Protein backbone atom coordinates (compact mmCIF):
# COMPACT_ATOMS: atom_id res chain seq x y z
CA MET A 1 -77.16 -199.66 -24.04
CA ASN A 2 -80.82 -199.27 -24.96
CA ILE A 3 -82.33 -201.09 -27.95
CA GLN A 4 -82.51 -197.99 -30.19
CA ILE A 5 -78.86 -197.11 -29.59
CA LYS A 6 -77.82 -200.73 -30.11
CA GLN A 7 -79.68 -200.77 -33.45
CA LYS A 8 -78.11 -197.43 -34.40
CA LYS A 9 -74.65 -198.87 -33.69
CA GLU A 10 -75.36 -201.96 -35.80
CA ASP A 11 -76.72 -199.80 -38.66
CA LEU A 12 -73.67 -197.51 -38.61
CA GLU A 13 -71.26 -200.45 -38.57
CA LYS A 14 -73.08 -202.10 -41.49
CA GLU A 15 -73.08 -198.88 -43.53
CA LEU A 16 -69.43 -198.22 -42.70
CA ARG A 17 -68.42 -201.69 -43.90
CA LYS A 18 -70.22 -201.05 -47.21
CA ILE A 19 -68.63 -197.62 -47.70
CA VAL A 20 -65.11 -198.77 -46.80
CA SER A 21 -65.33 -201.84 -49.04
CA VAL A 22 -66.39 -199.75 -52.07
CA ILE A 23 -63.70 -197.12 -51.41
CA ILE A 24 -60.99 -199.76 -51.01
CA LYS A 25 -62.10 -201.62 -54.14
CA ASN A 26 -62.31 -198.50 -56.33
CA HIS A 27 -59.55 -196.27 -54.93
CA SER A 28 -57.05 -198.38 -52.93
CA PRO A 29 -56.46 -195.77 -50.20
CA GLU A 30 -53.32 -195.93 -48.09
CA LYS A 31 -55.32 -195.23 -44.91
CA VAL A 32 -58.92 -195.15 -43.79
CA ILE A 33 -59.49 -192.98 -40.73
CA LEU A 34 -62.67 -193.20 -38.67
CA PHE A 35 -63.35 -190.45 -36.15
CA GLY A 36 -66.23 -189.08 -34.10
CA SER A 37 -68.66 -191.03 -31.95
CA PRO A 38 -68.39 -194.39 -33.78
CA ALA A 39 -64.60 -194.31 -33.35
CA ASP A 40 -64.69 -193.62 -29.63
CA GLY A 41 -67.66 -195.95 -28.98
CA ASN A 42 -69.94 -193.16 -27.77
CA ILE A 43 -72.90 -193.93 -30.08
CA HIS A 44 -76.06 -191.87 -29.62
CA GLU A 45 -79.20 -191.19 -31.67
CA TRP A 46 -77.52 -188.48 -33.78
CA SER A 47 -74.29 -190.39 -34.43
CA ASN A 48 -73.10 -190.52 -38.01
CA ILE A 49 -70.12 -191.83 -39.94
CA ASN A 50 -67.10 -189.53 -40.01
CA SER A 51 -64.24 -190.80 -42.10
CA ALA A 52 -61.28 -189.78 -44.20
CA PHE A 53 -59.59 -191.77 -46.94
CA ILE A 54 -55.91 -191.02 -47.57
CA LYS A 55 -54.23 -191.64 -50.91
CA GLU A 56 -51.22 -190.00 -52.54
CA THR A 57 -51.99 -188.59 -55.98
CA GLU A 58 -50.62 -186.08 -58.46
CA GLU A 59 -54.10 -184.69 -59.07
CA LYS A 60 -54.87 -181.33 -57.44
CA PHE A 61 -57.54 -181.36 -54.74
CA ILE A 62 -60.00 -179.14 -56.63
CA ASP A 63 -59.55 -181.29 -59.75
CA ARG A 64 -60.24 -184.46 -57.75
CA LEU A 65 -63.45 -182.97 -56.39
CA HIS A 66 -64.57 -181.82 -59.82
CA ASN A 67 -63.71 -185.14 -61.49
CA ARG A 68 -65.36 -187.32 -58.83
CA ARG A 69 -68.52 -185.21 -58.98
CA GLU A 70 -68.64 -185.49 -62.81
CA GLU A 71 -68.11 -189.24 -62.55
CA GLY A 72 -70.99 -189.46 -60.10
CA ARG A 73 -68.62 -190.84 -57.48
CA LEU A 74 -68.70 -187.91 -55.09
CA GLU A 75 -71.66 -187.76 -52.79
CA LEU A 76 -72.00 -185.47 -49.85
CA TRP A 77 -74.92 -186.26 -47.67
CA GLU A 78 -76.12 -186.08 -44.13
CA TYR A 79 -77.17 -189.41 -42.69
CA GLN A 80 -80.35 -189.19 -40.68
CA ASN A 81 -82.29 -192.14 -39.40
């Protein structure tokens, strides 16, 4: 593994730990699912974090999106290094 890819892997793992810890603290999901290149160990220069957080709720999906966005807790972004 070259130095740039090794650093990319370390950066992704650090960021993932931060994201997961905040999500667990604030939302107590039943499951956290990681998929994509970090999950299968095939890290490359364009690798990013792909995850899903599962939690049972009575709130409708569209309402959850709207409420999280209003609360400033929904961010959609593309990670580029």
